[in-house]
Protein backbone atom coordinates (compact mmCIF):
# COMPACT_ATOMS: atom_id res chain seq x y z
CA SER A 1 -25.75 9.11 -10.35
CA PRO A 2 -22.22 10.30 -10.99
CA TYR A 3 -20.89 7.57 -8.50
CA THR A 4 -21.43 4.41 -9.55
CA PHE A 5 -20.80 1.10 -7.54
CA PRO A 6 -18.71 -0.70 -7.38
CA HIS A 7 -15.73 1.49 -5.96
CA CYS A 8 -12.36 0.31 -5.52
CA THR A 9 -10.38 0.24 -2.51
CA THR A 10 -6.55 -0.55 -3.08
CA VAL A 11 -5.38 -2.30 -0.17
CA GLN A 12 -4.89 -5.66 -2.19
CA TRP A 13 -2.75 -3.49 -4.89
CA GLY A 14 0.05 -2.72 -2.35
CA LYS A 15 0.07 -5.60 0.21
CA VAL A 16 -1.13 -9.12 0.81
CA TYR A 17 -4.51 -8.88 2.08
CA GLY A 18 -7.87 -10.61 2.87
CA LEU A 19 -8.90 -14.31 4.48
CA THR A 20 -9.71 -15.57 1.09
CA ASN A 21 -6.91 -14.08 -1.05
CA LYS A 22 -5.30 -16.53 -3.17
CA THR A 23 -3.22 -14.49 -5.45
CA GLY A 24 -1.19 -12.19 -3.26
CA ILE A 25 -0.72 -8.58 -4.23
CA ALA A 26 -2.86 -7.70 -7.71
CA GLN A 27 -0.65 -7.72 -10.93
CA SER A 28 -0.13 -4.98 -12.89
CA ALA A 29 -2.07 -6.03 -15.75
CA ASP A 30 -5.00 -6.50 -13.71
CA ILE A 31 -5.12 -3.20 -11.99
CA THR A 32 -4.32 -1.50 -15.40
CA ALA A 33 -7.53 -3.59 -16.59
CA ILE A 34 -9.81 -2.60 -13.68
CA LEU A 35 -9.08 0.93 -13.74
CA GLU A 36 -9.80 1.04 -17.68
CA ASP A 37 -13.19 -0.71 -16.90
CA ALA A 38 -13.93 1.58 -14.17
CA SER A 39 -13.08 4.92 -15.66
CA GLY A 40 -15.39 7.26 -17.02
CA SER A 41 -17.82 7.09 -14.08
CA SER A 42 -16.41 9.26 -11.08
CA ARG A 43 -15.80 6.31 -8.94
CA ILE A 44 -13.76 6.30 -5.94
CA ILE A 45 -10.44 4.94 -5.70
CA ASP A 46 -9.85 4.54 -2.02
CA THR A 47 -6.33 4.31 -0.79
CA ALA A 48 -4.20 4.99 1.96
CA ILE A 49 -0.41 5.53 3.27
CA SER A 50 -0.48 2.25 5.25
CA TYR A 51 -1.17 0.12 2.26
CA GLU A 52 2.05 0.21 1.45
CA LYS A 53 2.86 0.29 -2.65
CA ALA A 54 -0.74 1.27 -3.19
CA GLU A 55 -0.33 5.24 -3.85
CA THR A 56 2.59 4.27 -5.96
CA VAL A 57 1.10 1.86 -8.18
CA LEU A 58 -2.06 4.33 -8.41
CA GLY A 59 0.75 7.01 -9.45
CA GLU A 60 2.06 4.95 -11.79
CA GLN A 61 -1.37 4.07 -13.39
CA LYS A 62 -1.89 7.80 -13.98
CA VAL A 63 -5.05 7.78 -12.18
CA ASP A 64 -4.98 11.46 -11.97
CA SER A 65 -5.78 11.86 -15.81
CA MET A 66 -8.74 9.46 -15.13
CA SER A 67 -12.29 10.39 -13.96
CA PHE A 68 -11.87 9.02 -10.77
CA ARG A 69 -12.25 10.51 -7.23
CA LEU A 70 -9.04 9.84 -5.17
CA VAL A 71 -9.37 9.44 -1.55
CA THR A 72 -6.29 8.51 0.67
CA LYS A 73 -5.57 8.04 4.66
CA THR A 74 -3.07 9.57 6.85
CA ARG A 75 -0.66 7.61 9.02
CA PRO A 76 -1.44 6.40 12.08
CA LEU A 77 0.52 8.65 14.59
CA GLU A 78 3.33 6.66 16.06
CA PRO A 79 3.74 6.74 19.91
CA SER A 80 7.13 8.71 19.79
CA ILE A 81 5.73 11.62 18.00
CA ASN A 82 4.80 13.42 21.01
CA SER A 83 4.81 17.09 20.34
CA HIS A 84 2.23 19.24 18.25
CA SER A 85 5.36 20.56 15.89
CA SER A 86 6.33 17.04 15.21
CA VAL A 87 3.12 15.82 14.41
CA VAL A 88 2.42 19.08 11.70
CA GLU A 89 5.88 18.30 10.35
CA ASN A 90 4.88 14.55 10.03
CA PHE A 91 1.60 15.15 8.73
CA GLY A 92 2.58 17.69 6.29
CA LYS A 93 5.37 15.52 4.85
CA ASP A 94 3.14 12.34 4.65
CA PHE A 95 0.49 14.45 2.70
CA GLN A 96 3.03 15.94 0.25
CA ASN A 97 4.40 12.54 -0.38
CA SER A 98 0.77 10.77 -0.79
CA LEU A 99 0.32 13.67 -3.81
CA LYS A 100 3.69 12.65 -5.05
CA ASN A 101 2.88 8.88 -4.74
CA LEU A 102 -0.39 9.30 -6.36
CA ASN A 103 1.26 11.57 -9.07
CA ALA A 104 -1.52 14.40 -8.28
CA LYS A 105 -1.95 18.05 -7.56
CA LYS A 106 -5.08 17.45 -5.30
CA ILE A 107 -7.34 14.73 -4.11
CA TYR A 108 -11.26 14.38 -3.47
CA GLY A 109 -10.72 13.02 0.15
CA LEU A 110 -8.19 13.06 3.05
CA MET A 111 -9.31 10.84 6.17
CA ILE A 112 -7.61 10.18 9.48
CA HIS A 113 -7.19 6.54 9.26
CA ASN A 114 -7.08 6.05 13.01
CA PRO A 115 -9.49 7.76 14.91
CA LYS A 116 -7.69 7.36 18.47
CA ASP A 117 -5.38 10.02 16.56
CA LEU A 118 -8.45 12.76 16.69
CA LEU A 119 -9.38 11.48 20.10
CA GLY A 120 -5.97 12.05 21.30
CA PRO A 121 -3.89 15.08 22.50
CA HIS A 122 -2.87 15.83 18.82
CA GLY A 123 -6.79 15.99 17.86
CA GLU A 124 -7.23 19.50 17.22
CA ILE A 125 -3.71 20.15 15.64
CA LEU A 126 -4.21 17.14 13.10
CA TRP A 127 -7.96 18.72 12.09
CA SER A 128 -6.54 22.03 11.81
CA GLU A 129 -4.09 20.97 9.50
CA MET A 130 -6.62 19.09 7.49
CA LEU A 131 -8.54 22.66 6.88
CA LYS A 132 -5.67 24.26 5.71
CA LEU A 133 -5.25 21.87 3.26
CA LYS A 134 -9.07 22.30 2.29
CA LYS A 135 -8.65 26.08 2.21
CA ARG A 136 -5.57 25.58 -0.53
CA ASN A 137 -8.11 23.37 -2.44
CA LEU A 138 -5.72 20.60 -2.13
CA VAL A 139 -8.59 18.56 -0.87
CA CYS A 140 -12.32 18.59 -1.31
CA LYS A 141 -13.24 16.49 1.80
CA ILE A 142 -11.92 15.77 4.92
CA GLY A 143 -12.77 13.36 7.66
CA CYS A 144 -11.98 10.00 9.17
CA SER A 145 -12.42 6.19 9.03
CA PHE A 146 -13.91 4.48 11.82
CA TYR A 147 -13.88 0.99 13.50
CA THR A 148 -16.65 1.59 16.31
CA PRO A 149 -19.78 3.75 16.68
CA ASP A 150 -18.49 5.39 20.00
CA GLN A 151 -15.72 6.73 18.13
CA PHE A 152 -18.15 8.38 15.52
CA PHE A 153 -20.24 9.59 17.96
CA CYS A 154 -17.56 11.17 20.09
CA LEU A 155 -15.76 12.79 16.95
CA ASN A 156 -19.20 13.84 15.38
CA LYS A 157 -19.52 16.23 18.16
CA ARG A 158 -16.05 17.72 18.01
CA PHE A 159 -15.36 17.94 14.45
CA ASP A 160 -17.56 18.97 11.38
CA LEU A 161 -16.68 15.51 9.30
CA GLU A 162 -17.52 15.55 5.90
CA LEU A 163 -16.46 12.10 4.56
CA ILE A 164 -16.25 9.04 7.16
CA GLN A 165 -15.72 5.05 6.17
CA PHE A 166 -17.13 2.65 8.33
CA PRO A 167 -17.23 -1.38 8.01
CA TYR A 168 -20.89 -2.77 7.25
CA ASN A 169 -21.88 -6.29 6.40
CA ILE A 170 -24.30 -9.02 6.94
CA TYR A 171 -22.39 -9.77 10.64
CA ASP A 172 -21.42 -6.25 11.08
CA GLN A 173 -24.39 -4.00 11.18
CA ARG A 174 -23.62 -1.55 13.72
CA TYR A 175 -23.47 1.22 11.07
CA ILE A 176 -27.20 0.98 10.88
CA ASP A 177 -27.98 -0.19 14.33
CA SER A 178 -26.22 2.52 16.31
CA GLY A 179 -28.16 5.13 14.17
CA ILE A 180 -24.97 6.56 12.53
CA ALA A 181 -26.60 6.10 9.37
CA GLU A 182 -29.17 9.03 10.23
CA VAL A 183 -26.63 11.08 11.79
CA ALA A 184 -24.75 10.98 8.87
CA VAL A 185 -27.73 12.04 6.28
CA SER A 186 -28.90 14.96 8.71
CA ARG A 187 -25.45 16.22 8.81
CA ASN A 188 -24.66 15.79 5.09
CA ILE A 189 -21.72 13.52 5.81
CA GLU A 190 -20.93 11.36 2.50
CA VAL A 191 -20.21 7.46 3.69
CA HIS A 192 -18.17 4.97 2.11
CA LEU A 193 -19.29 1.58 3.70
CA ARG A 194 -16.07 -0.96 3.69
CA SER A 195 -15.68 -4.88 4.64
CA ILE A 196 -18.89 -5.84 2.64
CA PHE A 197 -17.60 -9.39 2.46
CA LEU A 198 -15.88 -8.88 5.79
CA GLN A 199 -12.56 -9.41 4.21
CA GLY A 200 -13.58 -12.66 2.46
CA LEU A 201 -15.14 -14.20 6.04
CA LEU A 202 -18.68 -14.06 4.54
CA LEU A 203 -17.54 -15.99 1.27
CA LEU A 204 -16.08 -19.14 2.93
CA PRO A 205 -17.90 -22.35 3.29
CA PRO A 206 -18.33 -23.49 6.82
CA GLU A 207 -15.73 -26.26 6.89
CA LYS A 208 -13.00 -23.76 5.77
CA LEU A 209 -13.46 -21.60 9.10
CA SER A 210 -10.51 -21.67 11.62
CA ASN A 211 -10.96 -22.18 15.27
CA HIS A 212 -10.85 -18.87 15.71
CA PHE A 213 -14.28 -18.38 14.36
CA LYS A 214 -15.81 -21.70 15.93
CA GLY A 215 -18.30 -19.38 18.08
CA ILE A 216 -20.04 -18.39 14.86
CA ARG A 217 -19.88 -22.02 12.97
CA LYS A 218 -24.02 -22.55 13.43
CA LEU A 219 -24.35 -19.06 12.29
CA HIS A 220 -22.19 -19.35 9.22
CA GLN A 221 -23.96 -22.56 8.71
CA SER A 222 -27.48 -21.08 8.60
CA LEU A 223 -26.32 -18.13 6.03
CA THR A 224 -24.90 -21.03 3.74
CA GLU A 225 -28.34 -22.50 4.16
CA LEU A 226 -30.18 -19.34 3.30
CA SER A 227 -27.90 -19.09 0.14
CA LYS A 228 -28.88 -22.55 -0.97
CA GLU A 229 -32.45 -21.91 0.00
CA THR A 230 -32.41 -18.19 -1.97
CA ASN A 231 -30.49 -19.89 -4.86
CA LEU A 232 -28.10 -16.56 -4.46
CA SER A 233 -24.37 -16.89 -3.74
CA SER A 234 -22.79 -15.75 -0.67
CA LEU A 235 -21.35 -13.07 -2.82
CA SER A 236 -24.55 -11.96 -3.82
CA LEU A 237 -26.28 -12.10 -0.51
CA ALA A 238 -23.42 -9.75 0.85
CA LEU A 239 -23.90 -7.55 -1.99
CA ARG A 240 -27.81 -7.35 -1.73
CA PHE A 241 -27.58 -6.58 2.10
CA ALA A 242 -25.04 -3.85 1.49
CA LEU A 243 -27.06 -2.09 -1.34
CA ASP A 244 -30.22 -2.11 0.72
CA THR A 245 -29.24 0.61 3.19
CA GLN A 246 -31.27 3.16 1.35
CA PHE A 247 -28.89 6.10 2.66
CA ASN A 248 -26.96 6.39 -0.64
CA GLU A 249 -23.77 5.39 0.62
CA LYS A 250 -20.68 4.36 -1.35
CA LEU A 251 -19.59 0.75 -1.22
CA ILE A 252 -16.18 0.27 -1.23
CA ILE A 253 -14.56 -3.21 -2.12
CA GLY A 254 -11.07 -4.49 -2.98
CA THR A 255 -10.38 -7.20 -5.81
CA GLU A 256 -7.03 -8.79 -6.85
CA THR A 257 -8.30 -9.66 -10.17
CA LEU A 258 -10.17 -8.06 -13.33
CA SER A 259 -12.56 -11.64 -13.16
CA GLN A 260 -13.39 -10.66 -9.72
CA TRP A 261 -14.00 -7.39 -10.42
CA ARG A 262 -16.31 -8.10 -13.22
CA GLU A 263 -17.97 -10.72 -11.37
CA ILE A 264 -19.11 -8.21 -8.82
CA LYS A 265 -19.60 -5.30 -11.33
CA ALA A 266 -22.01 -7.80 -12.79
CA LEU A 267 -24.24 -8.61 -9.74
CA ALA A 268 -24.13 -5.07 -8.61
CA ASP A 269 -25.53 -4.00 -12.06
CA LEU A 270 -28.54 -6.50 -11.90
CA LYS A 271 -31.82 -4.94 -11.09
CA PHE A 272 -33.34 -7.06 -8.24
CA ASP A 273 -36.74 -6.57 -6.67
CA LYS A 274 -36.41 -5.32 -3.21
CA ASP A 275 -37.35 -8.53 -1.09
CA ASP A 276 -38.61 -7.55 2.41
CA TYR A 277 -38.56 -11.18 3.45
CA LEU A 278 -34.72 -11.65 2.48
CA THR A 279 -33.85 -8.29 3.97
CA SER A 280 -35.26 -9.29 7.62
CA ARG A 281 -33.66 -12.68 7.49
CA LEU A 282 -30.49 -11.41 6.58
CA LYS A 283 -30.91 -8.72 9.52
CA THR A 284 -30.82 -11.55 11.86
CA PHE A 285 -27.73 -12.24 11.21
CA GLY A 286 -25.82 -9.36 13.07
CA ILE A 287 -23.55 -10.01 15.89
CA ASN A 288 -21.56 -7.60 18.37
CA ASP A 289 -18.70 -9.90 18.88
CA SER A 290 -15.33 -7.98 18.17
CA LYS A 291 -13.10 -10.85 18.00
CA ILE A 292 -15.26 -11.45 15.10
CA ILE A 293 -16.25 -8.44 13.38
CA ASN A 294 -13.11 -6.65 13.79
CA PRO A 295 -10.15 -8.08 11.55
CA SER A 296 -7.78 -6.48 13.32
CA ASN A 297 -8.27 -9.06 16.08
CA TRP A 298 -7.72 -11.94 13.87
CA ARG A 299 -4.26 -12.46 14.85
CA GLY A 300 -2.32 -15.58 13.65
CA ILE A 301 -5.11 -16.44 10.87
């Protein structure tokens, strides 16, 4: 396949991010080493204006001269931007700044970062501006990053989405359960799955959970016991689950260090036998509590 997992999200390359992040923002040497190790395989590099310095870091690393497919996301609209003309102006400036920061003449994908922007009064104008970029060959595919299935199904009726991003992991199985996967396949939409470790929550031992997660302590303990029973690490279980959708999605992961990248890459390269029993066990861990599966609700953690 021209796409080789793992693909990179760069949020940790621009800001401190993740429940289990112990090193802060990734060091330049680690970023260089990860990119060198990942190059030559048309991997996706996922970034966004909201990832603070990430686009600039990628530009400094000259990623446009490597064989990556660059994908970035728009800045969420400010409430003060209340006219179509100001939306168009800010969108255009932001996109040009993204190209400048990335040191790129064009990019593979552009997604609206906040689906509420497309659902709101400026949605048609935003989509029209994205189509213009595509017609000018500045962007290959356009789409949106999502947080809930309802957002996807609503916008899928209104716009010809070509590229979407959605969370998917052992606890958050809505991407499959809601039927998004089947719709995406039928409409030939490219899917990037993020949050496969749920910002590191799936990798934490039960005793490390804060009070915010007290409602899933028993569930988390059961997952730990499954890890011991199968002799598979929490990392390996999370990867196996995300890789087992059979819908040809691209899995986007974030790493701060070269050692993390190599560990995930080594696990992903393993040719594991399909285990229907393990798959069925992992499917029982899906929950729908937005306080747990939506990290934007993890206030003060």
